[in-house]
């Protein structure tokens, strides 16, 4: 089953008041998802910090994992202009999409579930680790974080 309008609308409905602009990025998920991929949950945070292949990037710069590592240069260039990041947990992977200030979608990459661990969950922050890197994302609204964490735990097979 592909990401459809009902799944996207469900996630748009979960956006906190004043965050509706990120609906544009959520709508774009249908275009970047695989035909047999479905959307489980999403969250939006600010100032992502990525560590890929042993190098810590600047805050809000660069995302890549596994098969998409070759796209890192383009994604990092787009992310230097953006401080917001949409994370979308699907049944196959996590889609990480940089967004503009007005919520428009920018570059995206994948974080695999294979080897993925949730290193920490705080009030408005999540830290993820996977074999090729790590991500810390803060500023996540309390309305979004619990369902997103639950979706990741179910797919990654972690308690």
N, C-alpha and C. Protein backbone atom coordinates (compact mmCIF):
# COMPACT_ATOMS: atom_id res chain seq x y z
N UNK A 1 0.84 -1.18 0.00
CA UNK A 1 0.00 0.00 0.00
C UNK A 1 0.89 1.25 0.00
N UNK A 2 0.63 2.15 -0.88
CA UNK A 2 1.41 3.39 -0.98
C UNK A 2 0.91 4.41 0.03
N UNK A 3 1.78 5.38 0.33
CA UNK A 3 1.35 6.48 1.18
C UNK A 3 0.21 7.19 0.45
N UNK A 4 -0.94 7.23 1.09
CA UNK A 4 -2.10 7.84 0.44
C UNK A 4 -2.54 9.09 1.19
N UNK A 5 -3.53 9.75 0.62
CA UNK A 5 -4.00 11.03 1.16
C UNK A 5 -4.55 10.88 2.57
N UNK A 6 -5.16 9.74 2.90
CA UNK A 6 -5.71 9.57 4.26
C UNK A 6 -4.59 9.50 5.30
N UNK A 7 -3.47 8.85 4.96
CA UNK A 7 -2.34 8.79 5.88
C UNK A 7 -1.71 10.18 6.04
N UNK A 8 -1.59 10.89 4.95
CA UNK A 8 -1.03 12.25 5.01
C UNK A 8 -1.95 13.16 5.81
N UNK A 9 -3.25 13.06 5.59
CA UNK A 9 -4.20 13.89 6.32
C UNK A 9 -4.17 13.60 7.81
N UNK A 10 -4.02 12.32 8.17
CA UNK A 10 -3.91 11.95 9.59
C UNK A 10 -2.73 12.67 10.24
N UNK A 11 -1.60 12.71 9.54
CA UNK A 11 -0.42 13.38 10.09
C UNK A 11 -0.59 14.89 10.10
N UNK A 12 -1.25 15.44 9.10
CA UNK A 12 -1.53 16.88 9.10
C UNK A 12 -2.42 17.24 10.29
N UNK A 13 -3.37 16.38 10.60
CA UNK A 13 -4.27 16.63 11.74
C UNK A 13 -3.53 16.59 13.07
N UNK A 14 -2.40 15.90 13.11
CA UNK A 14 -1.60 15.81 14.33
C UNK A 14 -0.66 17.01 14.51
N UNK A 15 -0.56 17.86 13.48
CA UNK A 15 0.31 19.04 13.60
C UNK A 15 -0.22 19.98 14.67
N UNK A 16 0.65 20.51 15.50
CA UNK A 16 0.22 21.47 16.52
C UNK A 16 -0.30 22.76 15.88
N UNK A 17 -1.10 23.52 16.61
CA UNK A 17 -1.57 24.81 16.09
C UNK A 17 -0.38 25.68 15.67
N UNK A 18 -0.49 26.30 14.52
CA UNK A 18 0.57 27.16 14.01
C UNK A 18 1.63 26.43 13.19
N UNK A 19 1.54 25.11 13.11
CA UNK A 19 2.52 24.33 12.37
C UNK A 19 1.97 23.83 11.03
N UNK A 20 0.83 24.33 10.62
CA UNK A 20 0.18 23.87 9.41
C UNK A 20 1.01 24.00 8.15
N UNK A 21 1.97 24.93 8.17
CA UNK A 21 2.82 25.12 6.99
C UNK A 21 3.59 23.85 6.62
N UNK A 22 3.82 22.97 7.59
CA UNK A 22 4.56 21.74 7.31
C UNK A 22 3.71 20.70 6.59
N UNK A 23 2.44 21.01 6.40
CA UNK A 23 1.58 20.14 5.60
C UNK A 23 2.09 19.98 4.18
N UNK A 24 2.80 21.00 3.67
CA UNK A 24 3.38 20.92 2.32
C UNK A 24 4.41 19.79 2.25
N UNK A 25 5.25 19.70 3.25
CA UNK A 25 6.26 18.64 3.26
C UNK A 25 5.60 17.28 3.45
N UNK A 26 4.59 17.22 4.31
CA UNK A 26 3.87 15.95 4.49
C UNK A 26 3.23 15.51 3.18
N UNK A 27 2.63 16.43 2.45
CA UNK A 27 2.01 16.09 1.16
C UNK A 27 3.04 15.57 0.17
N UNK A 28 4.26 16.04 0.27
CA UNK A 28 5.33 15.63 -0.65
C UNK A 28 5.79 14.19 -0.40
N UNK A 29 5.48 13.64 0.76
CA UNK A 29 5.90 12.27 1.07
C UNK A 29 5.39 11.26 0.05
N UNK A 30 4.18 11.48 -0.45
CA UNK A 30 3.63 10.57 -1.45
C UNK A 30 4.48 10.49 -2.71
N UNK A 31 5.22 11.56 -3.01
CA UNK A 31 6.05 11.59 -4.20
C UNK A 31 7.42 10.95 -3.99
N UNK A 32 7.90 10.91 -2.75
CA UNK A 32 9.23 10.35 -2.50
C UNK A 32 9.17 8.92 -1.97
N UNK A 33 7.99 8.48 -1.58
CA UNK A 33 7.84 7.13 -1.03
C UNK A 33 7.83 6.09 -2.14
N UNK A 34 8.17 4.87 -1.76
CA UNK A 34 8.07 3.74 -2.67
C UNK A 34 6.60 3.38 -2.85
N UNK A 35 6.25 2.76 -3.98
CA UNK A 35 4.84 2.44 -4.25
C UNK A 35 4.19 1.54 -3.19
N UNK A 36 4.97 0.71 -2.52
CA UNK A 36 4.41 -0.22 -1.54
C UNK A 36 4.68 0.22 -0.09
N UNK A 37 4.96 1.49 0.11
CA UNK A 37 5.32 2.02 1.43
C UNK A 37 4.13 2.73 2.06
N UNK A 38 3.93 2.55 3.36
CA UNK A 38 2.85 3.26 4.03
C UNK A 38 3.39 4.08 5.20
N UNK A 39 2.71 5.18 5.48
CA UNK A 39 3.12 6.13 6.51
C UNK A 39 2.55 5.72 7.86
N UNK A 40 3.43 5.57 8.85
CA UNK A 40 3.01 5.17 10.19
C UNK A 40 2.86 6.37 11.12
N UNK A 41 3.84 7.27 11.10
CA UNK A 41 3.83 8.43 11.99
C UNK A 41 4.87 9.43 11.50
N UNK A 42 4.78 10.66 12.03
CA UNK A 42 5.76 11.68 11.65
C UNK A 42 5.97 12.65 12.80
N UNK A 43 7.05 13.40 12.69
CA UNK A 43 7.31 14.49 13.62
C UNK A 43 8.18 15.52 12.92
N UNK A 44 8.17 16.72 13.45
CA UNK A 44 8.97 17.81 12.90
C UNK A 44 9.76 18.42 14.04
N UNK A 45 11.04 18.62 13.79
CA UNK A 45 11.90 19.23 14.80
C UNK A 45 12.78 20.29 14.17
N UNK A 46 13.63 20.87 15.00
CA UNK A 46 14.51 21.95 14.54
C UNK A 46 15.96 21.63 14.85
N UNK A 47 16.84 22.28 14.12
CA UNK A 47 18.29 22.19 14.32
C UNK A 47 18.80 20.75 14.42
N UNK A 48 18.60 19.96 13.37
CA UNK A 48 19.10 18.59 13.42
C UNK A 48 20.62 18.56 13.47
N UNK A 49 21.15 17.60 14.20
CA UNK A 49 22.59 17.38 14.26
C UNK A 49 22.84 15.95 13.80
N UNK A 50 23.57 15.81 12.70
CA UNK A 50 23.87 14.50 12.13
C UNK A 50 25.32 14.17 12.32
N UNK A 51 25.59 12.92 12.54
CA UNK A 51 26.94 12.40 12.53
C UNK A 51 26.91 11.24 11.54
N UNK A 52 27.63 11.40 10.44
CA UNK A 52 27.64 10.40 9.39
C UNK A 52 29.06 9.92 9.17
N UNK A 53 29.26 8.62 9.22
CA UNK A 53 30.58 8.07 8.95
C UNK A 53 31.67 8.62 9.84
N UNK A 54 31.34 9.00 11.06
CA UNK A 54 32.34 9.43 12.02
C UNK A 54 32.64 10.91 12.03
N UNK A 55 31.92 11.72 11.22
CA UNK A 55 32.16 13.17 11.24
C UNK A 55 30.92 13.91 11.68
N UNK A 56 31.06 14.76 12.64
CA UNK A 56 29.92 15.55 13.09
C UNK A 56 29.76 16.74 12.17
N UNK A 57 28.58 16.87 11.58
CA UNK A 57 28.33 18.00 10.70
C UNK A 57 27.90 19.19 11.53
N UNK A 58 27.85 20.34 10.91
CA UNK A 58 27.35 21.53 11.59
C UNK A 58 25.88 21.31 11.92
N UNK A 59 25.35 21.97 12.94
CA UNK A 59 23.92 21.86 13.20
C UNK A 59 23.14 22.23 11.95
N UNK A 60 22.10 21.47 11.69
CA UNK A 60 21.20 21.68 10.55
C UNK A 60 21.85 21.39 9.21
N UNK A 61 22.92 20.60 9.20
CA UNK A 61 23.57 20.30 7.94
C UNK A 61 23.66 18.80 7.76
N UNK A 62 23.30 18.34 6.57
CA UNK A 62 23.61 17.01 6.11
C UNK A 62 22.81 15.88 6.68
N UNK A 63 22.26 15.06 5.79
CA UNK A 63 21.67 13.82 6.20
C UNK A 63 21.93 12.78 5.14
N UNK A 64 22.31 11.62 5.58
CA UNK A 64 22.54 10.52 4.66
C UNK A 64 22.59 9.24 5.46
N UNK A 65 22.27 8.16 4.83
CA UNK A 65 22.36 6.87 5.49
C UNK A 65 22.40 5.79 4.43
N UNK A 66 23.25 4.81 4.65
CA UNK A 66 23.29 3.65 3.78
C UNK A 66 23.32 3.99 2.31
N UNK A 67 22.31 3.55 1.59
CA UNK A 67 22.26 3.67 0.14
C UNK A 67 22.21 5.11 -0.36
N UNK A 68 21.85 6.05 0.47
CA UNK A 68 21.74 7.44 0.00
C UNK A 68 22.98 8.27 0.34
N UNK A 69 24.03 7.64 0.83
CA UNK A 69 25.22 8.39 1.22
C UNK A 69 25.78 9.21 0.07
N UNK A 70 25.64 8.74 -1.16
CA UNK A 70 26.13 9.47 -2.31
C UNK A 70 25.41 10.79 -2.55
N UNK A 71 24.21 10.93 -2.01
CA UNK A 71 23.45 12.17 -2.17
C UNK A 71 23.76 13.17 -1.07
N UNK A 72 24.68 12.85 -0.19
CA UNK A 72 24.93 13.69 0.98
C UNK A 72 25.29 15.13 0.61
N UNK A 73 26.08 15.33 -0.42
CA UNK A 73 26.51 16.69 -0.76
C UNK A 73 25.33 17.58 -1.10
N UNK A 74 24.41 17.10 -1.92
CA UNK A 74 23.24 17.90 -2.28
C UNK A 74 22.32 18.14 -1.11
N UNK A 75 22.15 17.14 -0.29
CA UNK A 75 21.28 17.26 0.87
C UNK A 75 21.90 18.22 1.88
N UNK A 76 23.20 18.10 2.10
CA UNK A 76 23.87 19.00 3.04
C UNK A 76 23.78 20.44 2.58
N UNK A 77 23.91 20.66 1.27
CA UNK A 77 23.81 22.02 0.74
C UNK A 77 22.43 22.60 0.99
N UNK A 78 21.39 21.80 0.78
CA UNK A 78 20.02 22.27 1.02
C UNK A 78 19.79 22.51 2.50
N UNK A 79 20.32 21.62 3.33
CA UNK A 79 20.07 21.72 4.76
C UNK A 79 20.77 22.92 5.40
N UNK A 80 21.81 23.45 4.77
CA UNK A 80 22.46 24.63 5.35
C UNK A 80 21.52 25.82 5.39
N UNK A 81 20.52 25.84 4.51
CA UNK A 81 19.55 26.93 4.47
C UNK A 81 18.37 26.69 5.39
N UNK A 82 18.22 25.49 5.87
CA UNK A 82 17.01 25.08 6.59
C UNK A 82 17.34 24.63 8.00
N UNK A 83 16.44 24.88 8.92
CA UNK A 83 16.64 24.41 10.28
C UNK A 83 15.57 23.42 10.70
N UNK A 84 14.56 23.20 9.86
CA UNK A 84 13.48 22.27 10.20
C UNK A 84 13.68 20.94 9.51
N UNK A 85 13.30 19.87 10.18
CA UNK A 85 13.44 18.53 9.62
C UNK A 85 12.17 17.74 9.91
N UNK A 86 11.59 17.18 8.86
CA UNK A 86 10.46 16.26 8.98
C UNK A 86 11.02 14.85 9.01
N UNK A 87 10.62 14.08 10.01
CA UNK A 87 10.92 12.66 10.05
C UNK A 87 9.61 11.92 9.86
N UNK A 88 9.58 11.03 8.89
CA UNK A 88 8.37 10.25 8.60
C UNK A 88 8.70 8.77 8.74
N UNK A 89 8.11 8.12 9.72
CA UNK A 89 8.30 6.69 9.91
C UNK A 89 7.33 5.96 8.99
N UNK A 90 7.89 5.17 8.08
CA UNK A 90 7.06 4.35 7.21
C UNK A 90 7.24 2.90 7.63
N UNK A 91 6.58 2.00 6.94
CA UNK A 91 6.76 0.59 7.26
C UNK A 91 8.09 0.04 6.74
N UNK A 92 8.84 0.83 5.96
CA UNK A 92 10.10 0.36 5.38
C UNK A 92 11.34 1.09 5.88
N UNK A 93 11.18 2.37 6.28
CA UNK A 93 12.33 3.21 6.63
C UNK A 93 11.84 4.48 7.30
N UNK A 94 12.78 5.33 7.67
CA UNK A 94 12.44 6.68 8.11
C UNK A 94 12.88 7.62 7.00
N UNK A 95 11.96 8.44 6.54
CA UNK A 95 12.29 9.46 5.55
C UNK A 95 12.61 10.74 6.32
N UNK A 96 13.80 11.28 6.08
CA UNK A 96 14.22 12.54 6.70
C UNK A 96 14.19 13.60 5.61
N UNK A 97 13.36 14.64 5.80
CA UNK A 97 13.19 15.66 4.77
C UNK A 97 13.42 17.05 5.36
N UNK A 98 14.41 17.75 4.83
CA UNK A 98 14.63 19.14 5.22
C UNK A 98 13.47 19.96 4.68
N UNK A 99 13.06 20.98 5.44
CA UNK A 99 11.98 21.85 4.98
C UNK A 99 12.40 23.31 5.09
N UNK A 100 11.81 24.14 4.26
CA UNK A 100 12.04 25.57 4.34
C UNK A 100 11.26 26.17 5.50
N UNK A 101 11.49 27.44 5.76
CA UNK A 101 10.80 28.13 6.86
C UNK A 101 9.29 28.13 6.67
N UNK A 102 8.85 28.09 5.41
CA UNK A 102 7.42 28.08 5.13
C UNK A 102 6.88 26.67 4.98
N UNK A 103 7.69 25.67 5.33
CA UNK A 103 7.25 24.28 5.32
C UNK A 103 7.40 23.57 4.00
N UNK A 104 7.98 24.23 3.01
CA UNK A 104 8.12 23.58 1.71
C UNK A 104 9.22 22.52 1.76
N UNK A 105 9.00 21.39 1.07
CA UNK A 105 9.96 20.29 1.11
C UNK A 105 11.25 20.62 0.37
N UNK A 106 12.34 20.12 0.91
CA UNK A 106 13.66 20.28 0.28
C UNK A 106 14.20 18.88 0.02
N UNK A 107 15.48 18.70 0.22
CA UNK A 107 16.12 17.41 0.01
C UNK A 107 15.64 16.39 1.04
N UNK A 108 15.75 15.12 0.67
CA UNK A 108 15.37 14.06 1.60
C UNK A 108 16.36 12.90 1.50
N UNK A 109 16.36 12.08 2.52
CA UNK A 109 17.21 10.90 2.58
C UNK A 109 16.50 9.85 3.43
N UNK A 110 17.10 8.68 3.51
CA UNK A 110 16.50 7.58 4.27
C UNK A 110 17.37 7.19 5.44
N UNK A 111 16.74 6.83 6.51
CA UNK A 111 17.41 6.22 7.66
C UNK A 111 16.85 4.81 7.75
N UNK A 112 17.70 3.80 7.66
CA UNK A 112 17.21 2.42 7.66
C UNK A 112 16.80 1.96 9.06
N UNK A 113 15.85 1.04 9.10
CA UNK A 113 15.47 0.44 10.38
C UNK A 113 16.50 -0.59 10.82
N UNK A 114 17.19 -1.20 9.87
CA UNK A 114 18.18 -2.21 10.21
C UNK A 114 19.28 -1.60 11.06
N UNK A 115 19.45 -2.10 12.26
CA UNK A 115 20.47 -1.59 13.17
C UNK A 115 20.11 -0.30 13.88
N UNK A 116 18.89 0.20 13.67
CA UNK A 116 18.47 1.46 14.27
C UNK A 116 18.19 1.30 15.76
N UNK A 117 18.67 2.24 16.53
CA UNK A 117 18.39 2.28 17.97
C UNK A 117 17.92 3.67 18.35
N UNK A 118 17.00 3.72 19.28
CA UNK A 118 16.62 5.00 19.88
C UNK A 118 17.54 5.19 21.07
N UNK A 119 18.49 6.11 20.94
CA UNK A 119 19.48 6.32 21.99
C UNK A 119 18.90 7.07 23.18
N UNK A 120 18.00 8.02 22.90
CA UNK A 120 17.40 8.81 23.98
C UNK A 120 16.13 9.47 23.48
N UNK A 121 15.19 9.60 24.40
CA UNK A 121 13.96 10.36 24.15
C UNK A 121 13.79 11.27 25.36
N UNK A 122 13.72 12.56 25.09
CA UNK A 122 13.48 13.54 26.14
C UNK A 122 12.18 14.25 25.85
N UNK A 123 11.88 15.26 26.62
CA UNK A 123 10.59 15.95 26.49
C UNK A 123 10.28 16.38 25.06
N UNK A 124 11.24 16.99 24.38
CA UNK A 124 11.03 17.48 23.01
C UNK A 124 12.16 17.06 22.09
N UNK A 125 12.84 15.97 22.40
CA UNK A 125 14.04 15.61 21.67
C UNK A 125 14.15 14.10 21.49
N UNK A 126 14.71 13.70 20.35
CA UNK A 126 14.98 12.30 20.10
C UNK A 126 16.40 12.17 19.55
N UNK A 127 17.06 11.10 19.94
CA UNK A 127 18.39 10.77 19.42
C UNK A 127 18.33 9.37 18.84
N UNK A 128 18.72 9.24 17.58
CA UNK A 128 18.72 7.96 16.89
C UNK A 128 20.14 7.57 16.52
N UNK A 129 20.43 6.28 16.58
CA UNK A 129 21.72 5.73 16.16
C UNK A 129 21.46 4.62 15.16
N UNK A 130 22.26 4.56 14.11
CA UNK A 130 22.22 3.44 13.18
C UNK A 130 23.65 3.21 12.71
N UNK A 131 23.96 2.09 12.07
CA UNK A 131 25.35 1.76 11.77
C UNK A 131 26.13 2.84 11.03
N UNK A 132 25.48 3.60 10.14
CA UNK A 132 26.19 4.61 9.36
C UNK A 132 26.17 6.00 9.98
N UNK A 133 25.46 6.19 11.09
CA UNK A 133 25.41 7.54 11.64
C UNK A 133 24.49 7.71 12.82
N UNK A 134 24.21 8.96 13.13
CA UNK A 134 23.32 9.28 14.24
C UNK A 134 22.63 10.61 13.96
N UNK A 135 21.56 10.84 14.69
CA UNK A 135 20.77 12.06 14.54
C UNK A 135 20.25 12.48 15.90
N UNK A 136 20.38 13.76 16.20
CA UNK A 136 19.72 14.36 17.35
C UNK A 136 18.80 15.43 16.80
N UNK A 137 17.54 15.39 17.21
CA UNK A 137 16.56 16.36 16.73
C UNK A 137 15.78 16.88 17.92
N UNK A 138 15.76 18.19 18.08
CA UNK A 138 15.04 18.82 19.18
C UNK A 138 13.87 19.63 18.69
N UNK A 139 13.17 20.24 19.61
CA UNK A 139 12.05 21.11 19.28
C UNK A 139 10.83 20.37 18.76
N UNK A 140 10.75 19.08 19.02
CA UNK A 140 9.61 18.28 18.56
C UNK A 140 8.45 18.54 19.50
N UNK A 141 7.28 18.77 18.95
CA UNK A 141 6.12 19.05 19.78
C UNK A 141 5.70 17.79 20.55
N UNK A 142 5.29 17.98 21.81
CA UNK A 142 4.90 16.85 22.66
C UNK A 142 3.72 16.08 22.09
N UNK A 143 2.96 16.69 21.22
CA UNK A 143 1.82 16.02 20.59
C UNK A 143 2.28 14.98 19.56
N UNK A 144 3.45 15.17 18.98
CA UNK A 144 3.93 14.28 17.92
C UNK A 144 4.88 13.19 18.40
N UNK A 145 5.68 13.49 19.39
CA UNK A 145 6.79 12.61 19.76
C UNK A 145 6.38 11.20 20.21
N UNK A 146 5.40 11.02 21.10
CA UNK A 146 5.10 9.66 21.57
C UNK A 146 4.71 8.68 20.46
N UNK A 147 3.84 9.08 19.56
CA UNK A 147 3.41 8.18 18.48
C UNK A 147 4.56 7.88 17.52
N UNK A 148 5.41 8.87 17.29
CA UNK A 148 6.55 8.66 16.41
C UNK A 148 7.52 7.65 17.02
N UNK A 149 7.82 7.81 18.30
CA UNK A 149 8.72 6.88 18.99
C UNK A 149 8.12 5.47 18.99
N UNK A 150 6.84 5.36 19.25
CA UNK A 150 6.17 4.06 19.24
C UNK A 150 6.28 3.38 17.87
N UNK A 151 6.09 4.15 16.80
CA UNK A 151 6.19 3.59 15.45
C UNK A 151 7.60 3.09 15.16
N UNK A 152 8.60 3.84 15.57
CA UNK A 152 9.98 3.42 15.35
C UNK A 152 10.28 2.15 16.15
N UNK A 153 9.88 2.14 17.40
CA UNK A 153 10.15 0.95 18.23
C UNK A 153 9.51 -0.30 17.64
N UNK A 154 8.32 -0.17 17.11
CA UNK A 154 7.64 -1.32 16.51
C UNK A 154 8.38 -1.83 15.27
N UNK A 155 8.90 -0.93 14.46
CA UNK A 155 9.57 -1.33 13.22
C UNK A 155 11.01 -1.77 13.48
N UNK A 156 11.69 -1.12 14.38
CA UNK A 156 13.09 -1.44 14.64
C UNK A 156 13.23 -2.65 15.56
N UNK A 157 12.10 -3.07 16.16
CA UNK A 157 12.13 -4.22 17.04
C UNK A 157 12.83 -3.96 18.35
N UNK A 158 12.82 -2.72 18.80
CA UNK A 158 13.48 -2.36 20.06
C UNK A 158 12.43 -2.18 21.15
N UNK A 159 12.77 -2.50 22.39
CA UNK A 159 11.81 -2.29 23.49
C UNK A 159 11.63 -0.82 23.82
